[in-house]
C-alpha atoms as a PDB file:
ATOM      1  CA  MET A   1    -170.362 170.221 129.993  1.00  0.00           C
ATOM      2  CA  LEU A   2    -173.148 170.734 131.836  1.00  0.00           C
ATOM      3  CA  LEU A   3    -172.712 173.595 135.051  1.00  0.00           C
ATOM      4  CA  VAL A   4    -174.986 173.444 138.206  1.00  0.00           C
ATOM      5  CA  ALA A   5    -174.916 176.716 140.107  1.00  0.00           C
ATOM      6  CA  LEU A   6    -176.176 176.669 143.744  1.00  0.00           C
ATOM      7  CA  THR A   7    -177.507 180.193 144.916  1.00  0.00           C
ATOM      8  CA  GLN A   8    -180.051 179.630 147.961  1.00  0.00           C
ATOM      9  CA  PRO A   9    -177.144 177.372 150.145  1.00  0.00           C
ATOM     10  CA  LEU A  10    -175.174 180.542 150.728  1.00  0.00           C
ATOM     11  CA  LYS A  11    -177.925 182.641 151.907  1.00  0.00           C
ATOM     12  CA  ARG A  12    -178.813 179.864 154.469  1.00  0.00           C
ATOM     13  CA  ASN A  13    -175.579 179.154 155.978  1.00  0.00           C
ATOM     14  CA  LEU A  14    -175.802 175.446 154.368  1.00  0.00           C
ATOM     15  CA  ASP A  15    -172.604 173.558 153.616  1.00  0.00           C
ATOM     16  CA  VAL A  16    -171.918 174.213 150.008  1.00  0.00           C
ATOM     17  CA  ALA A  17    -169.473 171.623 149.796  1.00  0.00           C
ATOM     18  CA  ALA A  18    -171.586 168.793 150.915  1.00  0.00           C
ATOM     19  CA  ILE A  19    -174.479 169.753 148.625  1.00  0.00           C
ATOM     20  CA  GLU A  20    -172.033 169.847 145.917  1.00  0.00           C
ATOM     21  CA  ARG A  21    -170.987 166.658 146.794  1.00  0.00           C
ATOM     22  CA  PHE A  22    -174.005 164.909 146.870  1.00  0.00           C
ATOM     23  CA  ILE A  23    -175.363 166.271 143.707  1.00  0.00           C
ATOM     24  CA  ALA A  24    -172.190 165.175 142.081  1.00  0.00           C
ATOM     25  CA  ASP A  25    -172.449 161.796 143.569  1.00  0.00           C
ATOM     26  CA  GLU A  26    -176.149 161.502 142.433  1.00  0.00           C
ATOM     27  CA  ALA A  27    -175.713 162.930 138.998  1.00  0.00           C
ATOM     28  CA  ALA A  28    -172.432 160.357 138.516  1.00  0.00           C
ATOM     29  CA  GLY A  29    -174.705 157.686 138.384  1.00  0.00           C
ATOM     30  CA  LEU A  30    -177.320 158.622 135.991  1.00  0.00           C
ATOM     31  CA  PRO A  31    -176.842 157.167 132.109  1.00  0.00           C
ATOM     32  CA  GLY A  32    -174.728 159.408 130.059  1.00  0.00           C
ATOM     33  CA  ILE A  33    -172.964 160.936 132.861  1.00  0.00           C
ATOM     34  CA  ARG A  34    -169.048 159.935 132.626  1.00  0.00           C
ATOM     35  CA  ALA A  35    -167.743 162.195 135.753  1.00  0.00           C
ATOM     36  CA  ALA A  36    -168.892 165.199 137.907  1.00  0.00           C
ATOM     37  CA  PHE A  37    -166.889 167.684 139.486  1.00  0.00           C
ATOM     38  CA  THR A  38    -167.103 169.866 142.248  1.00  0.00           C
ATOM     39  CA  ARG A  39    -166.321 173.526 142.683  1.00  0.00           C
ATOM     40  CA  SER A  40    -165.087 172.908 145.802  1.00  0.00           C
ATOM     41  CA  ASP A  41    -162.781 169.829 144.817  1.00  0.00           C
ATOM     42  CA  LEU A  42    -161.361 171.671 142.005  1.00  0.00           C
ATOM     43  CA  LEU A  43    -160.601 174.756 143.897  1.00  0.00           C
ATOM     44  CA  SER A  44    -158.645 172.788 146.668  1.00  0.00           C
ATOM     45  CA  GLY A  45    -156.997 170.511 144.219  1.00  0.00           C
ATOM     46  CA  ARG A  46    -159.150 167.361 145.008  1.00  0.00           C
ATOM     47  CA  TYR A  47    -159.755 165.816 141.615  1.00  0.00           C
ATOM     48  CA  PRO A  48    -158.341 162.639 139.741  1.00  0.00           C
ATOM     49  CA  ASP A  49    -155.390 162.991 137.238  1.00  0.00           C
ATOM     50  CA  THR A  50    -157.808 161.857 134.180  1.00  0.00           C
ATOM     51  CA  ALA A  51    -158.254 163.303 130.887  1.00  0.00           C
ATOM     52  CA  GLU A  52    -161.914 164.519 131.943  1.00  0.00           C
ATOM     53  CA  ALA A  53    -160.464 166.413 135.101  1.00  0.00           C
ATOM     54  CA  ARG A  54    -157.806 168.254 132.943  1.00  0.00           C
ATOM     55  CA  GLY A  55    -160.449 169.410 130.140  1.00  0.00           C
ATOM     56  CA  VAL A  56    -162.695 170.625 133.115  1.00  0.00           C
ATOM     57  CA  LEU A  57    -159.805 172.478 134.729  1.00  0.00           C
ATOM     58  CA  ALA A  58    -159.037 173.811 131.371  1.00  0.00           C
ATOM     59  CA  SER A  59    -162.229 175.621 131.379  1.00  0.00           C
ATOM     60  CA  PHE A  60    -163.016 176.412 134.852  1.00  0.00           C
ATOM     61  CA  HIS A  61    -163.081 179.860 136.369  1.00  0.00           C
ATOM     62  CA  PRO A  62    -163.154 180.240 140.109  1.00  0.00           C
ATOM     63  CA  ARG A  63    -165.629 183.070 139.842  1.00  0.00           C
ATOM     64  CA  ARG A  64    -167.903 182.271 136.820  1.00  0.00           C
ATOM     65  CA  SER A  65    -168.097 178.327 136.672  1.00  0.00           C
ATOM     66  CA  GLY A  66    -170.754 176.561 138.439  1.00  0.00           C
ATOM     67  CA  ASN A  67    -171.074 174.629 141.764  1.00  0.00           C
ATOM     68  CA  VAL A  68    -171.256 170.930 139.978  1.00  0.00           C
ATOM     69  CA  ILE A  69    -169.740 170.170 136.201  1.00  0.00           C
ATOM     70  CA  LEU A  70    -170.787 167.314 134.822  1.00  0.00           C
ATOM     71  CA  VAL A  71    -169.143 165.516 132.013  1.00  0.00           C
ATOM     72  CA  ALA A  72    -170.882 163.353 129.514  1.00  0.00           C
ATOM     73  CA  GLU A  73    -169.877 160.033 128.078  1.00  0.00           C
ATOM     74  CA  PRO A  74    -168.439 160.299 124.748  1.00  0.00           C
ATOM     75  CA  PHE A  75    -171.148 160.972 121.977  1.00  0.00           C
ATOM     76  CA  TRP A  76    -173.731 161.793 124.785  1.00  0.00           C
ATOM     77  CA  HIS A  77    -175.619 165.058 124.324  1.00  0.00           C
ATOM     78  CA  LEU A  78    -176.852 166.586 127.240  1.00  0.00           C
ATOM     79  CA  SER A  79    -180.340 167.421 126.114  1.00  0.00           C
ATOM     80  CA  ASP A  80    -183.856 165.849 126.082  1.00  0.00           C
ATOM     81  CA  ASP A  81    -184.804 168.051 123.107  1.00  0.00           C
ATOM     82  CA  PRO A  82    -185.069 165.755 120.341  1.00  0.00           C
ATOM     83  CA  ASP A  83    -185.427 169.110 117.916  1.00  0.00           C
ATOM     84  CA  GLY A  84    -182.818 170.969 119.506  1.00  0.00           C
ATOM     85  CA  SER A  85    -178.988 170.831 118.776  1.00  0.00           C
ATOM     86  CA  ALA A  86    -177.027 167.403 117.687  1.00  0.00           C
ATOM     87  CA  ALA A  87    -173.697 168.953 119.100  1.00  0.00           C
ATOM     88  CA  SER A  88    -172.525 171.437 121.427  1.00  0.00           C
ATOM     89  CA  HIS A  89    -168.792 171.515 121.118  1.00  0.00           C
ATOM     90  CA  GLY A  90    -168.491 171.567 124.861  1.00  0.00           C
ATOM     91  CA  SER A  91    -167.329 168.546 125.745  1.00  0.00           C
ATOM     92  CA  VAL A  92    -163.802 167.476 127.041  1.00  0.00           C
ATOM     93  CA  HIS A  93    -163.617 164.677 124.388  1.00  0.00           C
ATOM     94  CA  ALA A  94    -161.266 164.519 121.645  1.00  0.00           C
ATOM     95  CA  TYR A  95    -163.823 164.759 118.636  1.00  0.00           C
ATOM     96  CA  ASP A  96    -164.972 168.007 120.246  1.00  0.00           C
ATOM     97  CA  THR A  97    -161.641 169.299 120.963  1.00  0.00           C
ATOM     98  CA  HIS A  98    -159.436 168.090 118.276  1.00  0.00           C
ATOM     99  CA  VAL A  99    -159.177 171.548 115.869  1.00  0.00           C
ATOM    100  CA  PRO A 100    -156.550 171.443 113.063  1.00  0.00           C
ATOM    101  CA  ILE A 101    -154.224 174.598 113.062  1.00  0.00           C
ATOM    102  CA  MET A 102    -152.844 175.859 109.853  1.00  0.00           C
ATOM    103  CA  VAL A 103    -150.075 178.227 109.703  1.00  0.00           C
ATOM    104  CA  SER A 104    -148.964 179.968 106.185  1.00  0.00           C
ATOM    105  CA  GLY A 105    -146.878 182.603 104.642  1.00  0.00           C
ATOM    106  CA  PRO A 106    -142.997 183.704 104.026  1.00  0.00           C
ATOM    107  CA  GLY A 107    -140.647 181.880 106.318  1.00  0.00           C
ATOM    108  CA  ILE A 108    -143.323 179.127 107.419  1.00  0.00           C
ATOM    109  CA  ARG A 109    -142.023 175.427 106.894  1.00  0.00           C
ATOM    110  CA  GLN A 110    -144.219 173.103 104.933  1.00  0.00           C
ATOM    111  CA  GLY A 111    -144.855 170.126 106.737  1.00  0.00           C
ATOM    112  CA  ILE A 112    -147.199 168.714 109.778  1.00  0.00           C
ATOM    113  CA  VAL A 113    -146.710 168.943 113.356  1.00  0.00           C
ATOM    114  CA  HIS A 114    -146.848 165.537 114.713  1.00  0.00           C
ATOM    115  CA  ARG A 115    -147.572 166.267 118.522  1.00  0.00           C
ATOM    116  CA  ARG A 116    -150.510 167.584 120.253  1.00  0.00           C
ATOM    117  CA  VAL A 117    -150.691 171.291 120.277  1.00  0.00           C
ATOM    118  CA  ALA A 118    -153.448 173.618 121.512  1.00  0.00           C
ATOM    119  CA  ALA A 119    -155.284 176.695 120.001  1.00  0.00           C
ATOM    120  CA  ARG A 120    -153.497 178.587 122.832  1.00  0.00           C
ATOM    121  CA  ASP A 121    -150.365 178.087 121.219  1.00  0.00           C
ATOM    122  CA  VAL A 122    -151.370 180.305 118.140  1.00  0.00           C
ATOM    123  CA  ALA A 123    -150.867 183.465 119.827  1.00  0.00           C
ATOM    124  CA  ARG A 124    -147.363 182.889 120.953  1.00  0.00           C
ATOM    125  CA  THR A 125    -146.601 181.220 117.678  1.00  0.00           C
ATOM    126  CA  LEU A 126    -147.853 184.270 115.614  1.00  0.00           C
ATOM    127  CA  SER A 127    -146.259 186.901 118.232  1.00  0.00           C
ATOM    128  CA  THR A 128    -142.848 184.986 117.553  1.00  0.00           C
ATOM    129  CA  TYR A 129    -143.297 185.243 113.792  1.00  0.00           C
ATOM    130  CA  LEU A 130    -144.322 188.740 113.846  1.00  0.00           C
ATOM    131  CA  GLY A 131    -141.227 189.516 116.233  1.00  0.00           C
ATOM    132  CA  THR A 132    -143.528 190.870 118.717  1.00  0.00           C
ATOM    133  CA  ALA A 133    -144.184 190.450 122.407  1.00  0.00           C
ATOM    134  CA  PRO A 134    -147.277 187.716 122.809  1.00  0.00           C
ATOM    135  CA  PRO A 135    -150.241 189.201 124.377  1.00  0.00           C
ATOM    136  CA  SER A 136    -150.356 189.697 128.461  1.00  0.00           C
ATOM    137  CA  GLY A 137    -152.760 186.630 128.576  1.00  0.00           C
ATOM    138  CA  ALA A 138    -151.118 184.247 126.436  1.00  0.00           C
ATOM    139  CA  VAL A 139    -150.274 180.927 127.788  1.00  0.00           C
ATOM    140  CA  GLY A 140    -149.685 178.577 125.036  1.00  0.00           C
ATOM    141  CA  ALA A 141    -146.361 177.447 123.860  1.00  0.00           C
ATOM    142  CA  VAL A 142    -144.509 178.198 120.366  1.00  0.00           C
ATOM    143  CA  LEU A 143    -144.896 175.786 117.512  1.00  0.00           C
ATOM    144  CA  PHE A 144    -141.070 176.103 116.384  1.00  0.00           C
ATOM    145  CA  GLU A 145    -141.461 173.363 114.032  1.00  0.00           C
ATOM    146  CA  VAL A 146    -143.463 175.504 111.319  1.00  0.00           C
ATOM    147  CA  PHE A 147    -140.477 177.940 111.178  1.00  0.00           C
ATOM    148  CA  GLU A 148    -137.773 177.710 108.768  1.00  0.00           C
END
């Protein structure tokens, strides 16, 4: 994802939402851009129910994210530097977000979980395994399938 941050419009009393929308609409028409989301739309709940929007929302922070978030097409890299990085791990696509999770130890069942899980599930699963309270910011689900 690529973030665009606007700073000068606030100092000049310009309509930030309109500027965001203009940039997002223009960027959405560029080659390699799958979607463009504005901060104003995300904050007000105006976004489509798509995998791209869910991915952007999962990493959106109201005080730290940019004003326009661009999502590249699958296998596109948002860089014009031919000698730069070949990947960024910043996309919302499955090939960037699919990470295997392995749990091992006494009382852990051998097997494979055949459903979508997330890295955020690890903290709750480990705290359940250890019999402790989950961290205060834990938002994932317990992977009960791993326990005997």
